[in-house]
């Protein structure tokens, strides 16, 4: 009689351990699914902050002067800012292109004074 109760106790303990192991495995699986979502959310938030920080202020779209927002730029200033940003991007592109040509050996060496 007593061996039967010990045997039942062992079976129920094994069942609890198996259930705990299965629950723990499901928990880790959910954590693994959640991790990329959190990384993506962090990247989106970071990109949003950078975009807000580095983007020009708004251009007014209202036709009435009293409806213009205080932090917006006049269109002419906006155009000059965009032109300077494009010029800067071209300069960076050309510098990177020149550097990559020097690294791969496709550019002729400088004939200047070095």
PDB file of N, CA and C in Angstrom:
ATOM      1  N   UNK A   1       0.807  -1.186   0.000  1.00  0.00           N
ATOM      2  CA  UNK A   1       0.000   0.000   0.000  1.00  0.00           C
ATOM      3  C   UNK A   1       0.858   1.260   0.000  1.00  0.00           C
ATOM      4  N   UNK A   2       1.878   1.233   0.812  1.00  0.00           N
ATOM      5  CA  UNK A   2       2.693   2.412   0.915  1.00  0.00           C
ATOM      6  C   UNK A   2       3.498   2.648  -0.365  1.00  0.00           C
ATOM      7  N   UNK A   3       3.929   1.615  -1.038  1.00  0.00           N
ATOM      8  CA  UNK A   3       4.682   1.766  -2.277  1.00  0.00           C
ATOM      9  C   UNK A   3       3.805   2.403  -3.354  1.00  0.00           C
ATOM     10  N   UNK A   4       2.520   2.143  -3.291  1.00  0.00           N
ATOM     11  CA  UNK A   4       1.609   2.721  -4.252  1.00  0.00           C
ATOM     12  C   UNK A   4       1.513   4.239  -4.078  1.00  0.00           C
ATOM     13  N   UNK A   5       1.465   4.723  -2.853  1.00  0.00           N
ATOM     14  CA  UNK A   5       1.369   6.153  -2.622  1.00  0.00           C
ATOM     15  C   UNK A   5       2.681   6.852  -2.987  1.00  0.00           C
ATOM     16  N   UNK A   6       3.818   6.206  -2.760  1.00  0.00           N
ATOM     17  CA  UNK A   6       5.095   6.784  -3.155  1.00  0.00           C
ATOM     18  C   UNK A   6       5.179   6.835  -4.667  1.00  0.00           C
ATOM     19  N   UNK A   7       4.721   5.777  -5.314  1.00  0.00           N
ATOM     20  CA  UNK A   7       4.737   5.730  -6.771  1.00  0.00           C
ATOM     21  C   UNK A   7       3.845   6.826  -7.358  1.00  0.00           C
ATOM     22  N   UNK A   8       2.675   7.042  -6.776  1.00  0.00           N
ATOM     23  CA  UNK A   8       1.778   8.108  -7.247  1.00  0.00           C
ATOM     24  C   UNK A   8       2.412   9.474  -7.015  1.00  0.00           C
ATOM     25  N   UNK A   9       3.080   9.634  -5.877  1.00  0.00           N
ATOM     26  CA  UNK A   9       3.746  10.893  -5.578  1.00  0.00           C
ATOM     27  C   UNK A   9       4.852  11.175  -6.575  1.00  0.00           C
ATOM     28  N   UNK A  10       5.578  10.128  -6.961  1.00  0.00           N
ATOM     29  CA  UNK A  10       6.664  10.298  -7.945  1.00  0.00           C
ATOM     30  C   UNK A  10       6.087  10.681  -9.310  1.00  0.00           C
ATOM     31  N   UNK A  11       4.988  10.043  -9.711  1.00  0.00           N
ATOM     32  CA  UNK A  11       4.368  10.347 -10.999  1.00  0.00           C
ATOM     33  C   UNK A  11       3.867  11.791 -11.033  1.00  0.00           C
ATOM     34  N   UNK A  12       3.256  12.245  -9.943  1.00  0.00           N
ATOM     35  CA  UNK A  12       2.753  13.620  -9.927  1.00  0.00           C
ATOM     36  C   UNK A  12       3.903  14.619  -9.916  1.00  0.00           C
ATOM     37  N   UNK A  13       5.007  14.289  -9.235  1.00  0.00           N
ATOM     38  CA  UNK A  13       6.174  15.171  -9.230  1.00  0.00           C
ATOM     39  C   UNK A  13       6.785  15.229 -10.626  1.00  0.00           C
ATOM     40  N   UNK A  14       6.863  14.103 -11.313  1.00  0.00           N
ATOM     41  CA  UNK A  14       7.384  14.083 -12.685  1.00  0.00           C
ATOM     42  C   UNK A  14       6.485  14.905 -13.612  1.00  0.00           C
ATOM     43  N   UNK A  15       5.192  14.799 -13.408  1.00  0.00           N
ATOM     44  CA  UNK A  15       4.254  15.583 -14.219  1.00  0.00           C
ATOM     45  C   UNK A  15       4.428  17.073 -13.992  1.00  0.00           C
ATOM     46  N   UNK A  16       4.646  17.469 -12.737  1.00  0.00           N
ATOM     47  CA  UNK A  16       4.882  18.882 -12.437  1.00  0.00           C
ATOM     48  C   UNK A  16       6.179  19.377 -13.058  1.00  0.00           C
ATOM     49  N   UNK A  17       7.211  18.567 -12.999  1.00  0.00           N
ATOM     50  CA  UNK A  17       8.498  18.947 -13.579  1.00  0.00           C
ATOM     51  C   UNK A  17       8.367  19.091 -15.089  1.00  0.00           C
ATOM     52  N   UNK A  18       7.665  18.139 -15.714  1.00  0.00           N
ATOM     53  CA  UNK A  18       7.468  18.212 -17.168  1.00  0.00           C
ATOM     54  C   UNK A  18       6.639  19.439 -17.540  1.00  0.00           C
ATOM     55  N   UNK A  19       5.608  19.712 -16.766  1.00  0.00           N
ATOM     56  CA  UNK A  19       4.776  20.886 -17.033  1.00  0.00           C
ATOM     57  C   UNK A  19       5.580  22.167 -16.849  1.00  0.00           C
ATOM     58  N   UNK A  20       6.415  22.200 -15.798  1.00  0.00           N
ATOM     59  CA  UNK A  20       7.255  23.371 -15.568  1.00  0.00           C
ATOM     60  C   UNK A  20       8.251  23.550 -16.717  1.00  0.00           C
ATOM     61  N   UNK A  21       8.888  22.451 -17.142  1.00  0.00           N
ATOM     62  CA  UNK A  21       9.834  22.519 -18.256  1.00  0.00           C
ATOM     63  C   UNK A  21       9.154  23.014 -19.529  1.00  0.00           C
ATOM     64  N   UNK A  22       7.947  22.528 -19.787  1.00  0.00           N
ATOM     65  CA  UNK A  22       7.206  22.947 -20.984  1.00  0.00           C
ATOM     66  C   UNK A  22       6.838  24.429 -20.880  1.00  0.00           C
ATOM     67  N   UNK A  23       6.399  24.855 -19.714  1.00  0.00           N
ATOM     68  CA  UNK A  23       6.056  26.272 -19.521  1.00  0.00           C
ATOM     69  C   UNK A  23       7.283  27.164 -19.662  1.00  0.00           C
ATOM     70  N   UNK A  24       8.404  26.717 -19.128  1.00  0.00           N
ATOM     71  CA  UNK A  24       9.646  27.480 -19.237  1.00  0.00           C
ATOM     72  C   UNK A  24      10.094  27.575 -20.700  1.00  0.00           C
ATOM     73  N   UNK A  25       9.953  26.491 -21.428  1.00  0.00           N
ATOM     74  CA  UNK A  25      10.304  26.482 -22.844  1.00  0.00           C
ATOM     75  C   UNK A  25       9.411  27.440 -23.636  1.00  0.00           C
ATOM     76  N   UNK A  26       8.130  27.440 -23.336  1.00  0.00           N
ATOM     77  CA  UNK A  26       7.204  28.372 -24.009  1.00  0.00           C
ATOM     78  C   UNK A  26       7.543  29.819 -23.668  1.00  0.00           C
ATOM     79  N   UNK A  27       7.917  30.058 -22.419  1.00  0.00           N
ATOM     80  CA  UNK A  27       8.298  31.404 -22.001  1.00  0.00           C
ATOM     81  C   UNK A  27       9.504  31.893 -22.782  1.00  0.00           C
ATOM     82  N   UNK A  28      10.536  31.052 -22.902  1.00  0.00           N
ATOM     83  CA  UNK A  28      11.731  31.442 -23.651  1.00  0.00           C
ATOM     84  C   UNK A  28      11.423  31.629 -25.139  1.00  0.00           C
ATOM     85  N   UNK A  29      10.531  30.825 -25.675  1.00  0.00           N
ATOM     86  CA  UNK A  29      10.136  30.984 -27.076  1.00  0.00           C
ATOM     87  C   UNK A  29       9.457  32.336 -27.284  1.00  0.00           C
ATOM     88  N   UNK A  30       8.590  32.724 -26.344  1.00  0.00           N
ATOM     89  CA  UNK A  30       7.938  34.034 -26.443  1.00  0.00           C
ATOM     90  C   UNK A  30       8.943  35.168 -26.293  1.00  0.00           C
ATOM     91  N   UNK A  31       9.907  34.993 -25.400  1.00  0.00           N
ATOM     92  CA  UNK A  31      10.959  36.010 -25.246  1.00  0.00           C
ATOM     93  C   UNK A  31      11.771  36.152 -26.529  1.00  0.00           C
ATOM     94  N   UNK A  32      12.061  35.035 -27.182  1.00  0.00           N
ATOM     95  CA  UNK A  32      12.800  35.075 -28.445  1.00  0.00           C
ATOM     96  C   UNK A  32      11.999  35.771 -29.539  1.00  0.00           C
ATOM     97  N   UNK A  33      10.687  35.640 -29.513  1.00  0.00           N
ATOM     98  CA  UNK A  33       9.842  36.327 -30.496  1.00  0.00           C
ATOM     99  C   UNK A  33       9.737  37.813 -30.172  1.00  0.00           C
ATOM    100  N   UNK A  34       9.755  38.142 -28.911  1.00  0.00           N
ATOM    101  CA  UNK A  34       9.598  39.529 -28.480  1.00  0.00           C
ATOM    102  C   UNK A  34      10.856  40.356 -28.709  1.00  0.00           C
ATOM    103  N   UNK A  35      12.013  39.719 -28.622  1.00  0.00           N
ATOM    104  CA  UNK A  35      13.280  40.445 -28.750  1.00  0.00           C
ATOM    105  C   UNK A  35      13.415  41.191 -30.072  1.00  0.00           C
ATOM    106  N   UNK A  36      13.162  40.565 -31.242  1.00  0.00           N
ATOM    107  CA  UNK A  36      13.278  41.334 -32.494  1.00  0.00           C
ATOM    108  C   UNK A  36      12.255  42.476 -32.579  1.00  0.00           C
ATOM    109  N   UNK A  37      11.089  42.272 -32.020  1.00  0.00           N
ATOM    110  CA  UNK A  37      10.084  43.336 -32.028  1.00  0.00           C
ATOM    111  C   UNK A  37      10.554  44.535 -31.216  1.00  0.00           C
ATOM    112  N   UNK A  38      11.147  44.284 -30.071  1.00  0.00           N
ATOM    113  CA  UNK A  38      11.661  45.375 -29.240  1.00  0.00           C
ATOM    114  C   UNK A  38      12.840  46.073 -29.906  1.00  0.00           C
ATOM    115  N   UNK A  39      13.711  45.304 -30.559  1.00  0.00           N
ATOM    116  CA  UNK A  39      14.832  45.917 -31.278  1.00  0.00           C
ATOM    117  C   UNK A  39      14.332  46.807 -32.411  1.00  0.00           C
ATOM    118  N   UNK A  40      13.332  46.326 -33.137  1.00  0.00           N
ATOM    119  CA  UNK A  40      12.762  47.107 -34.234  1.00  0.00           C
ATOM    120  C   UNK A  40      12.107  48.378 -33.708  1.00  0.00           C
ATOM    121  N   UNK A  41      11.377  48.266 -32.613  1.00  0.00           N
ATOM    122  CA  UNK A  41      10.742  49.444 -32.025  1.00  0.00           C
ATOM    123  C   UNK A  41      11.789  50.455 -31.574  1.00  0.00           C
ATOM    124  N   UNK A  42      12.876  49.966 -30.994  1.00  0.00           N
ATOM    125  CA  UNK A  42      13.955  50.860 -30.562  1.00  0.00           C
ATOM    126  C   UNK A  42      14.591  51.557 -31.762  1.00  0.00           C
ATOM    127  N   UNK A  43      14.839  50.818 -32.832  1.00  0.00           N
ATOM    128  CA  UNK A  43      15.430  51.413 -34.036  1.00  0.00           C
ATOM    129  C   UNK A  43      14.496  52.450 -34.651  1.00  0.00           C
ATOM    130  N   UNK A  44      13.201  52.154 -34.686  1.00  0.00           N
ATOM    131  CA  UNK A  44      12.225  53.111 -35.232  1.00  0.00           C
ATOM    132  C   UNK A  44      12.191  54.387 -34.395  1.00  0.00           C
ATOM    133  N   UNK A  45      12.200  54.231 -33.091  1.00  0.00           N
ATOM    134  CA  UNK A  45      12.186  55.393 -32.201  1.00  0.00           C
ATOM    135  C   UNK A  45      13.461  56.208 -32.354  1.00  0.00           C
ATOM    136  N   UNK A  46      14.588  55.519 -32.430  1.00  0.00           N
ATOM    137  CA  UNK A  46      15.858  56.199 -32.612  1.00  0.00           C
ATOM    138  C   UNK A  46      15.897  56.950 -33.942  1.00  0.00           C
ATOM    139  N   UNK A  47      15.407  56.319 -34.992  1.00  0.00           N
ATOM    140  CA  UNK A  47      15.372  56.972 -36.302  1.00  0.00           C
ATOM    141  C   UNK A  47      14.419  58.162 -36.291  1.00  0.00           C
ATOM    142  N   UNK A  48      13.328  58.043 -35.578  1.00  0.00           N
ATOM    143  CA  UNK A  48      12.379  59.150 -35.477  1.00  0.00           C
ATOM    144  C   UNK A  48      13.013  60.344 -34.771  1.00  0.00           C
ATOM    145  N   UNK A  49      13.737  60.076 -33.672  1.00  0.00           N
ATOM    146  CA  UNK A  49      14.419  61.162 -32.961  1.00  0.00           C
ATOM    147  C   UNK A  49      15.472  61.825 -33.850  1.00  0.00           C
ATOM    148  N   UNK A  50      16.256  60.988 -34.561  1.00  0.00           N
ATOM    149  CA  UNK A  50      17.277  61.542 -35.452  1.00  0.00           C
ATOM    150  C   UNK A  50      16.640  62.346 -36.580  1.00  0.00           C
ATOM    151  N   UNK A  51      15.535  61.855 -37.099  1.00  0.00           N
ATOM    152  CA  UNK A  51      14.846  62.565 -38.174  1.00  0.00           C
ATOM    153  C   UNK A  51      14.337  63.916 -37.695  1.00  0.00           C
ATOM    154  N   UNK A  52      13.776  63.942 -36.518  1.00  0.00           N
ATOM    155  CA  UNK A  52      13.283  65.191 -35.957  1.00  0.00           C
ATOM    156  C   UNK A  52      14.429  66.158 -35.692  1.00  0.00           C
ATOM    157  N   UNK A  53      15.537  65.622 -35.233  1.00  0.00           N
ATOM    158  CA  UNK A  53      16.689  66.462 -34.897  1.00  0.00           C
ATOM    159  C   UNK A  53      17.345  67.051 -36.137  1.00  0.00           C
ATOM    160  N   UNK A  54      17.457  66.272 -37.209  1.00  0.00           N
ATOM    161  CA  UNK A  54      18.225  66.691 -38.370  1.00  0.00           C
ATOM    162  C   UNK A  54      17.382  67.179 -39.543  1.00  0.00           C
ATOM    163  N   UNK A  55      16.089  67.077 -39.454  1.00  0.00           N
ATOM    164  CA  UNK A  55      15.240  67.526 -40.552  1.00  0.00           C
ATOM    165  C   UNK A  55      14.972  69.014 -40.424  1.00  0.00           C
ATOM    166  N   UNK A  56      14.788  69.660 -41.552  1.00  0.00           N
ATOM    167  CA  UNK A  56      14.461  71.089 -41.477  1.00  0.00           C
ATOM    168  C   UNK A  56      13.056  71.279 -40.917  1.00  0.00           C
ATOM    169  N   UNK A  57      12.818  72.478 -40.457  1.00  0.00           N
ATOM    170  CA  UNK A  57      11.493  72.773 -39.929  1.00  0.00           C
ATOM    171  C   UNK A  57      10.492  72.834 -41.065  1.00  0.00           C
ATOM    172  N   UNK A  58       9.251  72.887 -40.716  1.00  0.00           N
ATOM    173  CA  UNK A  58       8.182  72.813 -41.699  1.00  0.00           C
ATOM    174  C   UNK A  58       8.126  74.032 -42.606  1.00  0.00           C
ATOM    175  N   UNK A  59       7.671  73.799 -43.815  1.00  0.00           N
ATOM    176  CA  UNK A  59       7.401  74.886 -44.744  1.00  0.00           C
ATOM    177  C   UNK A  59       5.917  75.178 -44.629  1.00  0.00           C
ATOM    178  N   UNK A  60       5.543  76.450 -44.480  1.00  0.00           N
ATOM    179  CA  UNK A  60       4.124  76.748 -44.325  1.00  0.00           C
ATOM    180  C   UNK A  60       3.351  76.423 -45.601  1.00  0.00           C
ATOM    181  N   UNK A  61       2.232  75.780 -45.413  1.00  0.00           N
ATOM    182  CA  UNK A  61       1.384  75.453 -46.555  1.00  0.00           C
ATOM    183  C   UNK A  61       0.129  76.309 -46.584  1.00  0.00           C
ATOM    184  N   UNK A  62      -0.088  77.051 -45.529  1.00  0.00           N
ATOM    185  CA  UNK A  62      -1.287  77.897 -45.457  1.00  0.00           C
ATOM    186  C   UNK A  62      -1.109  79.114 -46.358  1.00  0.00           C
ATOM    187  N   UNK A  63      -2.194  79.570 -46.939  1.00  0.00           N
ATOM    188  CA  UNK A  63      -2.131  80.742 -47.815  1.00  0.00           C
ATOM    189  C   UNK A  63      -2.326  82.039 -47.035  1.00  0.00           C
ATOM    190  N   UNK A  64      -2.880  81.933 -45.855  1.00  0.00           N
ATOM    191  CA  UNK A  64      -3.087  83.123 -45.029  1.00  0.00           C
ATOM    192  C   UNK A  64      -1.909  83.290 -44.070  1.00  0.00           C
ATOM    193  N   UNK A  65      -1.347  84.489 -43.967  1.00  0.00           N
ATOM    194  CA  UNK A  65      -0.192  84.696 -43.085  1.00  0.00           C
ATOM    195  C   UNK A  65      -0.482  84.428 -41.617  1.00  0.00           C
ATOM    196  N   UNK A  66      -1.704  84.632 -41.167  1.00  0.00           N
ATOM    197  CA  UNK A  66      -2.006  84.423 -39.747  1.00  0.00           C
ATOM    198  C   UNK A  66      -2.077  82.937 -39.391  1.00  0.00           C
ATOM    199  N   UNK A  67      -2.153  82.058 -40.388  1.00  0.00           N
ATOM    200  CA  UNK A  67      -2.242  80.617 -40.117  1.00  0.00           C
ATOM    201  C   UNK A  67      -0.879  79.945 -40.118  1.00  0.00           C
ATOM    202  N   UNK A  68       0.177  80.696 -40.361  1.00  0.00           N
ATOM    203  CA  UNK A  68       1.523  80.131 -40.415  1.00  0.00           C
ATOM    204  C   UNK A  68       1.995  79.779 -39.007  1.00  0.00           C
ATOM    205  N   UNK A  69       2.621  78.606 -38.894  1.00  0.00           N
ATOM    206  CA  UNK A  69       3.137  78.175 -37.596  1.00  0.00           C
ATOM    207  C   UNK A  69       4.418  78.925 -37.285  1.00  0.00           C
ATOM    208  N   UNK A  70       4.678  79.124 -36.011  1.00  0.00           N
ATOM    209  CA  UNK A  70       5.823  79.915 -35.575  1.00  0.00           C
ATOM    210  C   UNK A  70       7.155  79.251 -35.922  1.00  0.00           C
ATOM    211  N   UNK A  71       7.232  77.900 -35.870  1.00  0.00           N
ATOM    212  CA  UNK A  71       8.516  77.235 -36.090  1.00  0.00           C
ATOM    213  C   UNK A  71       8.775  76.910 -37.563  1.00  0.00           C
ATOM    214  N   UNK A  72       7.927  77.359 -38.467  1.00  0.00           N
ATOM    215  CA  UNK A  72       8.111  77.045 -39.880  1.00  0.00           C
ATOM    216  C   UNK A  72       9.040  78.044 -40.556  1.00  0.00           C
ATOM    217  N   UNK A  73       9.636  77.607 -41.677  1.00  0.00           N
ATOM    218  CA  UNK A  73      10.550  78.440 -42.454  1.00  0.00           C
ATOM    219  C   UNK A  73       9.836  78.997 -43.682  1.00  0.00           C
ATOM    220  N   UNK A  74      10.237  80.179 -44.128  1.00  0.00           N
ATOM    221  CA  UNK A  74       9.746  80.645 -45.421  1.00  0.00           C
ATOM    222  C   UNK A  74      10.293  79.744 -46.527  1.00  0.00           C
ATOM    223  N   UNK A  75       9.603  79.672 -47.634  1.00  0.00           N
ATOM    224  CA  UNK A  75       9.962  78.749 -48.703  1.00  0.00           C
ATOM    225  C   UNK A  75      11.359  79.028 -49.255  1.00  0.00           C
ATOM    226  N   UNK A  76      11.747  80.275 -49.375  1.00  0.00           N
ATOM    227  CA  UNK A  76      13.066  80.603 -49.919  1.00  0.00           C
ATOM    228  C   UNK A  76      14.183  80.098 -49.001  1.00  0.00           C
ATOM    229  N   UNK A  77      13.994  80.231 -47.698  1.00  0.00           N
ATOM    230  CA  UNK A  77      14.989  79.704 -46.754  1.00  0.00           C
ATOM    231  C   UNK A  77      15.028  78.175 -46.809  1.00  0.00           C
ATOM    232  N   UNK A  78      13.845  77.599 -46.975  1.00  0.00           N
ATOM    233  CA  UNK A  78      13.759  76.138 -47.078  1.00  0.00           C
ATOM    234  C   UNK A  78      14.530  75.658 -48.300  1.00  0.00           C
ATOM    235  N   UNK A  79      14.353  76.323 -49.436  1.00  0.00           N
ATOM    236  CA  UNK A  79      15.056  75.941 -50.657  1.00  0.00           C
ATOM    237  C   UNK A  79      16.565  76.050 -50.492  1.00  0.00           C
ATOM    238  N   UNK A  80      17.030  77.160 -49.901  1.00  0.00           N
ATOM    239  CA  UNK A  80      18.472  77.318 -49.720  1.00  0.00           C
ATOM    240  C   UNK A  80      19.025  76.254 -48.770  1.00  0.00           C
ATOM    241  N   UNK A  81      18.268  75.874 -47.751  1.00  0.00           N
ATOM    242  CA  UNK A  81      18.706  74.831 -46.829  1.00  0.00           C
ATOM    243  C   UNK A  81      18.795  73.488 -47.556  1.00  0.00           C
ATOM    244  N   UNK A  82      17.802  73.185 -48.368  1.00  0.00           N
ATOM    245  CA  UNK A  82      17.798  71.922 -49.112  1.00  0.00           C
ATOM    246  C   UNK A  82      18.956  71.896 -50.111  1.00  0.00           C
ATOM    247  N   UNK A  83      19.212  73.016 -50.781  1.00  0.00           N
ATOM    248  CA  UNK A  83      20.327  73.081 -51.729  1.00  0.00           C
ATOM    249  C   UNK A  83      21.656  72.842 -51.014  1.00  0.00           C
ATOM    250  N   UNK A  84      21.817  73.414 -49.833  1.00  0.00           N
ATOM    251  CA  UNK A  84      23.064  73.199 -49.090  1.00  0.00           C
ATOM    252  C   UNK A  84      23.175  71.747 -48.621  1.00  0.00           C
ATOM    253  N   UNK A  85      22.062  71.127 -48.251  1.00  0.00           N
ATOM    254  CA  UNK A  85      22.096  69.721 -47.849  1.00  0.00           C
ATOM    255  C   UNK A  85      22.460  68.822 -49.030  1.00  0.00           C
ATOM    256  N   UNK A  86      21.911  69.138 -50.209  1.00  0.00           N
ATOM    257  CA  UNK A  86      22.235  68.354 -51.405  1.00  0.00           C
ATOM    258  C   UNK A  86      23.705  68.528 -51.759  1.00  0.00           C
ATOM    259  N   UNK A  87      24.199  69.748 -51.675  1.00  0.00           N
ATOM    260  CA  UNK A  87      25.612  70.009 -51.956  1.00  0.00           C
ATOM    261  C   UNK A  87      26.512  69.242 -50.991  1.00  0.00           C
ATOM    262  N   UNK A  88      26.162  69.239 -49.738  1.00  0.00           N
ATOM    263  CA  UNK A  88      26.930  68.506 -48.733  1.00  0.00           C
ATOM    264  C   UNK A  88      26.903  67.002 -49.017  1.00  0.00           C
ATOM    265  N   UNK A  89      25.745  66.483 -49.381  1.00  0.00           N
ATOM    266  CA  UNK A  89      25.623  65.058 -49.702  1.00  0.00           C
ATOM    267  C   UNK A  89      26.468  64.704 -50.921  1.00  0.00           C
ATOM    268  N   UNK A  90      26.502  65.593 -51.937  1.00  0.00           N
ATOM    269  CA  UNK A  90      27.336  65.353 -53.122  1.00  0.00           C
ATOM    270  C   UNK A  90      28.813  65.358 -52.749  1.00  0.00           C
ATOM    271  N   UNK A  91      29.225  66.299 -51.899  1.00  0.00           N
ATOM    272  CA  UNK A  91      30.618  66.359 -51.467  1.00  0.00           C
ATOM    273  C   UNK A  91      31.019  65.078 -50.728  1.00  0.00           C
ATOM    274  N   UNK A  92      30.155  64.611 -49.867  1.00  0.00           N
ATOM    275  CA  UNK A  92      30.437  63.374 -49.137  1.00  0.00           C
ATOM    276  C   UNK A  92      30.516  62.197 -50.107  1.00  0.00           C
ATOM    277  N   UNK A  93      29.585  62.138 -51.045  1.00  0.00           N
ATOM    278  CA  UNK A  93      29.582  61.059 -52.044  1.00  0.00           C
ATOM    279  C   UNK A  93      30.877  61.073 -52.848  1.00  0.00           C
ATOM    280  N   UNK A  94      31.291  62.252 -53.309  1.00  0.00           N
ATOM    281  CA  UNK A  94      32.518  62.350 -54.096  1.00  0.00           C
ATOM    282  C   UNK A  94      33.744  61.968 -53.272  1.00  0.00           C
ATOM    283  N   UNK A  95      33.785  62.374 -52.015  1.00  0.00           N
ATOM    284  CA  UNK A  95      34.912  62.018 -51.158  1.00  0.00           C
ATOM    285  C   UNK A  95      34.978  60.510 -50.939  1.00  0.00           C
ATOM    286  N   UNK A  96      33.831  59.884 -50.708  1.00  0.00           N
ATOM    287  CA  UNK A  96      33.806  58.436 -50.516  1.00  0.00           C
ATOM    288  C   UNK A  96      34.190  57.708 -51.806  1.00  0.00           C
ATOM    289  N   UNK A  97      33.719  58.207 -52.937  1.00  0.00           N
ATOM    290  CA  UNK A  97      34.051  57.606 -54.221  1.00  0.00           C
ATOM    291  C   UNK A  97      35.555  57.697 -54.487  1.00  0.00           C
ATOM    292  N   UNK A  98      36.124  58.856 -54.228  1.00  0.00           N
ATOM    293  CA  UNK A  98      37.566  59.049 -54.416  1.00  0.00           C
ATOM    294  C   UNK A  98      38.358  58.143 -53.484  1.00  0.00           C
ATOM    295  N   UNK A  99      37.931  58.032 -52.264  1.00  0.00           N
ATOM    296  CA  UNK A  99      38.611  57.176 -51.296  1.00  0.00           C
ATOM    297  C   UNK A  99      38.534  55.711 -51.720  1.00  0.00           C
ATOM    298  N   UNK A 100      37.373  55.279 -52.190  1.00  0.00           N
ATOM    299  CA  UNK A 100      37.244  53.882 -52.616  1.00  0.00           C
ATOM    300  C   UNK A 100      38.103  53.602 -53.836  1.00  0.00           C
ATOM    301  N   UNK A 101      38.243  54.580 -54.738  1.00  0.00           N
ATOM    302  CA  UNK A 101      39.114  54.396 -55.903  1.00  0.00           C
ATOM    303  C   UNK A 101      40.571  54.294 -55.474  1.00  0.00           C
ATOM    304  N   UNK A 102      40.953  55.082 -54.481  1.00  0.00           N
ATOM    305  CA  UNK A 102      42.332  55.015 -53.990  1.00  0.00           C
ATOM    306  C   UNK A 102      42.601  53.669 -53.327  1.00  0.00           C
ATOM    307  N   UNK A 103      41.618  53.171 -52.591  1.00  0.00           N
ATOM    308  CA  UNK A 103      41.795  51.897 -51.889  1.00  0.00           C
ATOM    309  C   UNK A 103      41.927  50.756 -52.891  1.00  0.00           C
ATOM    310  N   UNK A 104      41.095  50.772 -53.939  1.00  0.00           N
ATOM    311  CA  UNK A 104      41.145  49.683 -54.922  1.00  0.00           C
ATOM    312  C   UNK A 104      42.259  49.877 -55.924  1.00  0.00           C
ATOM    313  N   UNK A 105      42.920  51.031 -55.928  1.00  0.00           N
ATOM    314  CA  UNK A 105      44.029  51.270 -56.827  1.00  0.00           C
ATOM    315  C   UNK A 105      43.618  51.694 -58.217  1.00  0.00           C
ATOM    316  N   UNK A 106      42.388  52.124 -58.395  1.00  0.00           N
ATOM    317  CA  UNK A 106      41.893  52.534 -59.718  1.00  0.00           C
ATOM    318  C   UNK A 106      42.192  53.995 -60.031  1.00  0.00           C
ATOM    319  N   UNK A 107      42.549  54.762 -59.039  1.00  0.00           N
ATOM    320  CA  UNK A 107      42.801  56.190 -59.263  1.00  0.00           C
ATOM    321  C   UNK A 107      44.293  56.401 -59.486  1.00  0.00           C
ATOM    322  N   UNK A 108      44.639  57.303 -60.394  1.00  0.00           N
ATOM    323  CA  UNK A 108      46.065  57.601 -60.583  1.00  0.00           C
ATOM    324  C   UNK A 108      46.610  58.305 -59.345  1.00  0.00           C
ATOM    325  N   UNK A 109      47.878  58.058 -58.993  1.00  0.00           N
ATOM    326  CA  UNK A 109      48.439  58.718 -57.802  1.00  0.00           C
ATOM    327  C   UNK A 109      48.525  60.215 -58.003  1.00  0.00           C
ATOM    328  N   UNK A 110      48.501  60.932 -56.908  1.00  0.00           N
ATOM    329  CA  UNK A 110      48.569  62.397 -56.963  1.00  0.00           C
ATOM    330  C   UNK A 110      49.906  62.828 -57.534  1.00  0.00           C
ATOM    331  N   UNK A 111      49.895  63.704 -58.482  1.00  0.00           N
ATOM    332  CA  UNK A 111      51.130  64.238 -59.058  1.00  0.00           C
ATOM    333  C   UNK A 111      51.603  65.459 -58.293  1.00  0.00           C
ATOM    334  N   UNK A 112      50.842  65.865 -57.268  1.00  0.00           N
ATOM    335  CA  UNK A 112      51.140  67.066 -56.488  1.00  0.00           C
ATOM    336  C   UNK A 112      52.411  66.910 -55.683  1.00  0.00           C
ATOM    337  N   UNK A 113      52.601  67.661 -54.688  1.00  0.00           N
ATOM    338  CA  UNK A 113      53.875  67.785 -54.021  1.00  0.00           C
ATOM    339  C   UNK A 113      54.206  66.823 -52.910  1.00  0.00           C
ATOM    340  N   UNK A 114      53.675  65.664 -52.758  1.00  0.00           N
ATOM    341  CA  UNK A 114      54.079  64.767 -51.671  1.00  0.00           C
ATOM    342  C   UNK A 114      55.152  63.881 -52.103  1.00  0.00           C
TER     343      UNK A 114
END
